[in-house]
Amino acid sequence: MIRIDTLLRDKQYQSKMLLQVHDELVFDLALNEQDELVPRILDAMKTALPLPHDVPIEVEHGTGPNWLAAH
């Protein structure tokens, strides 16, 4: 979460990380930033821990006008 917050602040994105729900992160995503930002967030989440290459970290994402639609 810290790395993603730094990413959002350093590049001065309009998108904001709103909250954590169990093992999820919820964002207010600016639609014009979606194509650039979503892959960067997913990469930050997948590489958050230094694990051996045979231990993958799976990350899924969804987008929508609200939290329910994003699932």
PDB file of N, CA and C in Angstrom:
ATOM      1  N   MET A   1       0.824  -1.190   0.000  1.00  0.00           N
ATOM      2  CA  MET A   1       0.000   0.000   0.000  1.00  0.00           C
ATOM      3  C   MET A   1       0.871   1.258   0.000  1.00  0.00           C
ATOM      4  N   ILE A   2       1.982   1.202   0.696  1.00  0.00           N
ATOM      5  CA  ILE A   2       2.862   2.363   0.741  1.00  0.00           C
ATOM      6  C   ILE A   2       3.458   2.636  -0.636  1.00  0.00           C
ATOM      7  N   ARG A   3       3.882   1.571  -1.331  1.00  0.00           N
ATOM      8  CA  ARG A   3       4.447   1.745  -2.667  1.00  0.00           C
ATOM      9  C   ARG A   3       3.413   2.313  -3.640  1.00  0.00           C
ATOM     10  N   ILE A   4       2.189   1.863  -3.533  1.00  0.00           N
ATOM     11  CA  ILE A   4       1.127   2.367  -4.421  1.00  0.00           C
ATOM     12  C   ILE A   4       0.803   3.817  -4.087  1.00  0.00           C
ATOM     13  N   ASP A   5       0.747   4.146  -2.804  1.00  0.00           N
ATOM     14  CA  ASP A   5       0.498   5.526  -2.400  1.00  0.00           C
ATOM     15  C   ASP A   5       1.605   6.442  -2.930  1.00  0.00           C
ATOM     16  N   THR A   6       2.845   5.990  -2.837  1.00  0.00           N
ATOM     17  CA  THR A   6       3.977   6.765  -3.362  1.00  0.00           C
ATOM     18  C   THR A   6       3.850   6.953  -4.868  1.00  0.00           C
ATOM     19  N   LEU A   7       3.489   5.886  -5.576  1.00  0.00           N
ATOM     20  CA  LEU A   7       3.281   5.963  -7.022  1.00  0.00           C
ATOM     21  C   LEU A   7       2.229   7.021  -7.368  1.00  0.00           C
ATOM     22  N   LEU A   8       1.107   6.980  -6.672  1.00  0.00           N
ATOM     23  CA  LEU A   8       0.022   7.921  -6.951  1.00  0.00           C
ATOM     24  C   LEU A   8       0.444   9.362  -6.673  1.00  0.00           C
ATOM     25  N   ARG A   9       1.187   9.567  -5.604  1.00  0.00           N
ATOM     26  CA  ARG A   9       1.614  10.925  -5.239  1.00  0.00           C
ATOM     27  C   ARG A   9       2.724  11.448  -6.152  1.00  0.00           C
ATOM     28  N   ASP A  10       3.727  10.601  -6.439  1.00  0.00           N
ATOM     29  CA  ASP A  10       4.869  11.047  -7.234  1.00  0.00           C
ATOM     30  C   ASP A  10       4.470  11.467  -8.640  1.00  0.00           C
ATOM     31  N   LYS A  11       3.575  10.742  -9.240  1.00  0.00           N
ATOM     32  CA  LYS A  11       3.132  11.051 -10.605  1.00  0.00           C
ATOM     33  C   LYS A  11       1.942  12.004 -10.620  1.00  0.00           C
ATOM     34  N   GLN A  12       1.478  12.394  -9.433  1.00  0.00           N
ATOM     35  CA  GLN A  12       0.345  13.300  -9.271  1.00  0.00           C
ATOM     36  C   GLN A  12      -0.893  12.844 -10.045  1.00  0.00           C
ATOM     37  N   TYR A  13      -1.193  11.553  -9.890  1.00  0.00           N
ATOM     38  CA  TYR A  13      -2.410  11.012 -10.498  1.00  0.00           C
ATOM     39  C   TYR A  13      -3.641  11.600  -9.822  1.00  0.00           C
ATOM     40  N   GLN A  14      -4.725  11.675 -10.554  1.00  0.00           N
ATOM     41  CA  GLN A  14      -6.010  12.083  -9.983  1.00  0.00           C
ATOM     42  C   GLN A  14      -6.612  10.944  -9.163  1.00  0.00           C
ATOM     43  N   SER A  15      -6.301   9.711  -9.528  1.00  0.00           N
ATOM     44  CA  SER A  15      -6.845   8.537  -8.841  1.00  0.00           C
ATOM     45  C   SER A  15      -6.371   8.505  -7.400  1.00  0.00           C
ATOM     46  N   LYS A  16      -7.216   7.976  -6.535  1.00  0.00           N
ATOM     47  CA  LYS A  16      -6.908   7.910  -5.105  1.00  0.00           C
ATOM     48  C   LYS A  16      -7.174   6.506  -4.575  1.00  0.00           C
ATOM     49  N   MET A  17      -6.306   6.042  -3.686  1.00  0.00           N
ATOM     50  CA  MET A  17      -6.559   4.793  -2.973  1.00  0.00           C
ATOM     51  C   MET A  17      -7.479   5.154  -1.803  1.00  0.00           C
ATOM     52  N   LEU A  18      -8.644   4.498  -1.748  1.00  0.00           N
ATOM     53  CA  LEU A  18      -9.634   4.859  -0.745  1.00  0.00           C
ATOM     54  C   LEU A  18      -9.540   4.029   0.529  1.00  0.00           C
ATOM     55  N   LEU A  19      -9.484   2.707   0.376  1.00  0.00           N
ATOM     56  CA  LEU A  19      -9.490   1.859   1.559  1.00  0.00           C
ATOM     57  C   LEU A  19      -9.066   0.440   1.237  1.00  0.00           C
ATOM     58  N   GLN A  20      -8.817  -0.295   2.298  1.00  0.00           N
ATOM     59  CA  GLN A  20      -8.507  -1.719   2.210  1.00  0.00           C
ATOM     60  C   GLN A  20      -9.697  -2.472   2.787  1.00  0.00           C
ATOM     61  N   VAL A  21     -10.150  -3.489   2.077  1.00  0.00           N
ATOM     62  CA  VAL A  21     -11.236  -4.354   2.549  1.00  0.00           C
ATOM     63  C   VAL A  21     -10.689  -5.770   2.525  1.00  0.00           C
ATOM     64  N   HIS A  22     -10.360  -6.294   3.694  1.00  0.00           N
ATOM     65  CA  HIS A  22      -9.730  -7.620   3.832  1.00  0.00           C
ATOM     66  C   HIS A  22      -8.478  -7.696   2.959  1.00  0.00           C
ATOM     67  N   ASP A  23      -8.525  -8.429   1.875  1.00  0.00           N
ATOM     68  CA  ASP A  23      -7.349  -8.564   1.004  1.00  0.00           C
ATOM     69  C   ASP A  23      -7.495  -7.749  -0.284  1.00  0.00           C
ATOM     70  N   GLU A  24      -8.322  -6.730  -0.266  1.00  0.00           N
ATOM     71  CA  GLU A  24      -8.561  -5.898  -1.444  1.00  0.00           C
ATOM     72  C   GLU A  24      -8.139  -4.461  -1.180  1.00  0.00           C
ATOM     73  N   LEU A  25      -7.807  -3.772  -2.256  1.00  0.00           N
ATOM     74  CA  LEU A  25      -7.609  -2.332  -2.213  1.00  0.00           C
ATOM     75  C   LEU A  25      -8.686  -1.707  -3.094  1.00  0.00           C
ATOM     76  N   VAL A  26      -9.291  -0.639  -2.618  1.00  0.00           N
ATOM     77  CA  VAL A  26     -10.362   0.041  -3.348  1.00  0.00           C
ATOM     78  C   VAL A  26      -9.855   1.431  -3.737  1.00  0.00           C
ATOM     79  N   PHE A  27     -10.060   1.771  -5.009  1.00  0.00           N
ATOM     80  CA  PHE A  27      -9.579   3.037  -5.552  1.00  0.00           C
ATOM     81  C   PHE A  27     -10.724   3.831  -6.139  1.00  0.00           C
ATOM     82  N   ASP A  28     -10.568   5.152  -6.123  1.00  0.00           N
ATOM     83  CA  ASP A  28     -11.377   6.042  -6.939  1.00  0.00           C
ATOM     84  C   ASP A  28     -10.509   6.296  -8.162  1.00  0.00           C
ATOM     85  N   LEU A  29     -10.804   5.602  -9.254  1.00  0.00           N
ATOM     86  CA  LEU A  29      -9.941   5.572 -10.433  1.00  0.00           C
ATOM     87  C   LEU A  29     -10.430   6.555 -11.488  1.00  0.00           C
ATOM     88  N   ALA A  30      -9.573   7.494 -11.844  1.00  0.00           N
ATOM     89  CA  ALA A  30      -9.880   8.412 -12.945  1.00  0.00           C
ATOM     90  C   ALA A  30      -9.840   7.610 -14.242  1.00  0.00           C
ATOM     91  N   LEU A  31     -10.909   7.638 -15.010  1.00  0.00           N
ATOM     92  CA  LEU A  31     -11.012   6.804 -16.208  1.00  0.00           C
ATOM     93  C   LEU A  31      -9.902   7.074 -17.218  1.00  0.00           C
ATOM     94  N   ASN A  32      -9.440   8.302 -17.316  1.00  0.00           N
ATOM     95  CA  ASN A  32      -8.381   8.614 -18.270  1.00  0.00           C
ATOM     96  C   ASN A  32      -7.018   8.061 -17.819  1.00  0.00           C
ATOM     97  N   GLU A  33      -6.909   7.582 -16.592  1.00  0.00           N
ATOM     98  CA  GLU A  33      -5.668   7.005 -16.065  1.00  0.00           C
ATOM     99  C   GLU A  33      -5.698   5.483 -16.019  1.00  0.00           C
ATOM    100  N   GLN A  34      -6.823   4.893 -16.313  1.00  0.00           N
ATOM    101  CA  GLN A  34      -7.021   3.454 -16.138  1.00  0.00           C
ATOM    102  C   GLN A  34      -6.002   2.613 -16.902  1.00  0.00           C
ATOM    103  N   ASP A  35      -5.801   2.874 -18.184  1.00  0.00           N
ATOM    104  CA  ASP A  35      -4.905   2.042 -18.998  1.00  0.00           C
ATOM    105  C   ASP A  35      -3.462   2.088 -18.510  1.00  0.00           C
ATOM    106  N   GLU A  36      -3.031   3.213 -18.014  1.00  0.00           N
ATOM    107  CA  GLU A  36      -1.660   3.352 -17.518  1.00  0.00           C
ATOM    108  C   GLU A  36      -1.517   2.874 -16.077  1.00  0.00           C
ATOM    109  N   LEU A  37      -2.487   3.191 -15.254  1.00  0.00           N
ATOM    110  CA  LEU A  37      -2.338   2.996 -13.814  1.00  0.00           C
ATOM    111  C   LEU A  37      -2.637   1.579 -13.342  1.00  0.00           C
ATOM    112  N   VAL A  38      -3.655   0.933 -13.865  1.00  0.00           N
ATOM    113  CA  VAL A  38      -4.018  -0.412 -13.393  1.00  0.00           C
ATOM    114  C   VAL A  38      -2.845  -1.394 -13.519  1.00  0.00           C
ATOM    115  N   PRO A  39      -2.148  -1.471 -14.656  1.00  0.00           N
ATOM    116  CA  PRO A  39      -1.004  -2.390 -14.725  1.00  0.00           C
ATOM    117  C   PRO A  39       0.096  -2.047 -13.717  1.00  0.00           C
ATOM    118  N   ARG A  40       0.294  -0.782 -13.438  1.00  0.00           N
ATOM    119  CA  ARG A  40       1.323  -0.381 -12.474  1.00  0.00           C
ATOM    120  C   ARG A  40       0.934  -0.788 -11.059  1.00  0.00           C
ATOM    121  N   ILE A  41      -0.343  -0.660 -10.727  1.00  0.00           N
ATOM    122  CA  ILE A  41      -0.816  -1.082  -9.408  1.00  0.00           C
ATOM    123  C   ILE A  41      -0.706  -2.598  -9.274  1.00  0.00           C
ATOM    124  N   LEU A  42      -1.127  -3.325 -10.309  1.00  0.00           N
ATOM    125  CA  LEU A  42      -1.046  -4.788 -10.266  1.00  0.00           C
ATOM    126  C   LEU A  42       0.400  -5.246 -10.102  1.00  0.00           C
ATOM    127  N   ASP A  43       1.323  -4.609 -10.803  1.00  0.00           N
ATOM    128  CA  ASP A  43       2.734  -4.964 -10.677  1.00  0.00           C
ATOM    129  C   ASP A  43       3.243  -4.691  -9.266  1.00  0.00           C
ATOM    130  N   ALA A  44       2.865  -3.554  -8.695  1.00  0.00           N
ATOM    131  CA  ALA A  44       3.285  -3.230  -7.330  1.00  0.00           C
ATOM    132  C   ALA A  44       2.766  -4.269  -6.334  1.00  0.00           C
ATOM    133  N   MET A  45       1.569  -4.762  -6.553  1.00  0.00           N
ATOM    134  CA  MET A  45       0.997  -5.762  -5.654  1.00  0.00           C
ATOM    135  C   MET A  45       1.675  -7.123  -5.838  1.00  0.00           C
ATOM    136  N   LYS A  46       1.968  -7.494  -7.083  1.00  0.00           N
ATOM    137  CA  LYS A  46       2.593  -8.791  -7.354  1.00  0.00           C
ATOM    138  C   LYS A  46       4.031  -8.858  -6.860  1.00  0.00           C
ATOM    139  N   THR A  47       4.697  -7.732  -6.802  1.00  0.00           N
ATOM    140  CA  THR A  47       6.107  -7.709  -6.413  1.00  0.00           C
ATOM    141  C   THR A  47       6.320  -7.142  -5.013  1.00  0.00           C
ATOM    142  N   ALA A  48       5.271  -7.126  -4.208  1.00  0.00           N
ATOM    143  CA  ALA A  48       5.362  -6.538  -2.872  1.00  0.00           C
ATOM    144  C   ALA A  48       6.274  -7.331  -1.938  1.00  0.00           C
ATOM    145  N   LEU A  49       6.359  -8.637  -2.143  1.00  0.00           N
ATOM    146  CA  LEU A  49       7.177  -9.495  -1.287  1.00  0.00           C
ATOM    147  C   LEU A  49       8.260 -10.177  -2.103  1.00  0.00           C
ATOM    148  N   PRO A  50       9.476 -10.253  -1.575  1.00  0.00           N
ATOM    149  CA  PRO A  50      10.537 -10.970  -2.294  1.00  0.00           C
ATOM    150  C   PRO A  50      10.402 -12.486  -2.092  1.00  0.00           C
ATOM    151  N   LEU A  51       9.696 -13.131  -3.005  1.00  0.00           N
ATOM    152  CA  LEU A  51       9.467 -14.573  -2.926  1.00  0.00           C
ATOM    153  C   LEU A  51      10.200 -15.272  -4.065  1.00  0.00           C
ATOM    154  N   PRO A  52      10.505 -16.567  -3.889  1.00  0.00           N
ATOM    155  CA  PRO A  52      11.098 -17.321  -5.004  1.00  0.00           C
ATOM    156  C   PRO A  52      10.167 -17.309  -6.220  1.00  0.00           C
ATOM    157  N   HIS A  53      10.738 -17.485  -7.410  1.00  0.00           N
ATOM    158  CA  HIS A  53       9.949 -17.415  -8.646  1.00  0.00           C
ATOM    159  C   HIS A  53       8.888 -18.506  -8.739  1.00  0.00           C
ATOM    160  N   ASP A  54       9.060 -19.603  -8.002  1.00  0.00           N
ATOM    161  CA  ASP A  54       8.069 -20.674  -8.063  1.00  0.00           C
ATOM    162  C   ASP A  54       6.908 -20.447  -7.093  1.00  0.00           C
ATOM    163  N   VAL A  55       6.879 -19.281  -6.426  1.00  0.00           N
ATOM    164  CA  VAL A  55       5.783 -18.932  -5.524  1.00  0.00           C
ATOM    165  C   VAL A  55       5.112 -17.671  -6.092  1.00  0.00           C
ATOM    166  N   PRO A  56       4.141 -17.854  -6.970  1.00  0.00           N
ATOM    167  CA  PRO A  56       3.514 -16.684  -7.590  1.00  0.00           C
ATOM    168  C   PRO A  56       2.534 -15.995  -6.639  1.00  0.00           C
ATOM    169  N   ILE A  57       2.397 -14.708  -6.805  1.00  0.00           N
ATOM    170  CA  ILE A  57       1.365 -13.943  -6.108  1.00  0.00           C
ATOM    171  C   ILE A  57       0.316 -13.608  -7.154  1.00  0.00           C
ATOM    172  N   GLU A  58      -0.880 -14.108  -6.972  1.00  0.00           N
ATOM    173  CA  GLU A  58      -1.966 -13.870  -7.920  1.00  0.00           C
ATOM    174  C   GLU A  58      -2.715 -12.600  -7.519  1.00  0.00           C
ATOM    175  N   VAL A  59      -2.955 -11.738  -8.474  1.00  0.00           N
ATOM    176  CA  VAL A  59      -3.683 -10.499  -8.240  1.00  0.00           C
ATOM    177  C   VAL A  59      -4.768 -10.383  -9.304  1.00  0.00           C
ATOM    178  N   GLU A  60      -5.984 -10.143  -8.863  1.00  0.00           N
ATOM    179  CA  GLU A  60      -7.100  -9.934  -9.786  1.00  0.00           C
ATOM    180  C   GLU A  60      -7.573  -8.498  -9.633  1.00  0.00           C
ATOM    181  N   HIS A  61      -8.250  -8.007 -10.665  1.00  0.00           N
ATOM    182  CA  HIS A  61      -8.803  -6.665 -10.553  1.00  0.00           C
ATOM    183  C   HIS A  61     -10.134  -6.584 -11.285  1.00  0.00           C
ATOM    184  N   GLY A  62     -10.886  -5.609 -10.919  1.00  0.00           N
ATOM    185  CA  GLY A  62     -12.145  -5.327 -11.582  1.00  0.00           C
ATOM    186  C   GLY A  62     -12.422  -3.843 -11.484  1.00  0.00           C
ATOM    187  N   THR A  63     -13.153  -3.323 -12.433  1.00  0.00           N
ATOM    188  CA  THR A  63     -13.522  -1.911 -12.406  1.00  0.00           C
ATOM    189  C   THR A  63     -15.018  -1.783 -12.616  1.00  0.00           C
ATOM    190  N   GLY A  64     -15.545  -0.712 -12.135  1.00  0.00           N
ATOM    191  CA  GLY A  64     -16.977  -0.448 -12.289  1.00  0.00           C
ATOM    192  C   GLY A  64     -17.342   0.833 -11.604  1.00  0.00           C
ATOM    193  N   PRO A  65     -18.579   1.278 -11.797  1.00  0.00           N
ATOM    194  CA  PRO A  65     -19.007   2.533 -11.210  1.00  0.00           C
ATOM    195  C   PRO A  65     -19.153   2.486  -9.689  1.00  0.00           C
ATOM    196  N   ASN A  66     -19.160   1.252  -9.131  1.00  0.00           N
ATOM    197  CA  ASN A  66     -19.224   1.089  -7.673  1.00  0.00           C
ATOM    198  C   ASN A  66     -18.559  -0.222  -7.293  1.00  0.00           C
ATOM    199  N   TRP A  67     -18.400  -0.450  -6.001  1.00  0.00           N
ATOM    200  CA  TRP A  67     -17.673  -1.620  -5.507  1.00  0.00           C
ATOM    201  C   TRP A  67     -18.353  -2.917  -5.936  1.00  0.00           C
ATOM    202  N   LEU A  68     -19.666  -2.980  -5.885  1.00  0.00           N
ATOM    203  CA  LEU A  68     -20.393  -4.195  -6.270  1.00  0.00           C
ATOM    204  C   LEU A  68     -20.186  -4.509  -7.752  1.00  0.00           C
ATOM    205  N   ALA A  69     -20.268  -3.509  -8.603  1.00  0.00           N
ATOM    206  CA  ALA A  69     -20.104  -3.734 -10.041  1.00  0.00           C
ATOM    207  C   ALA A  69     -18.677  -4.145 -10.399  1.00  0.00           C
ATOM    208  N   ALA A  70     -17.707  -3.747  -9.593  1.00  0.00           N
ATOM    209  CA  ALA A  70     -16.309  -4.092  -9.863  1.00  0.00           C
ATOM    210  C   ALA A  70     -15.997  -5.555  -9.576  1.00  0.00           C
ATOM    211  N   HIS A  71     -16.899  -6.226  -8.912  1.00  0.00           N
ATOM    212  CA  HIS A  71     -16.688  -7.648  -8.609  1.00  0.00           C
ATOM    213  C   HIS A  71     -17.295  -8.454  -9.703  1.00  0.00           C
TER     214      HIS A  71
END
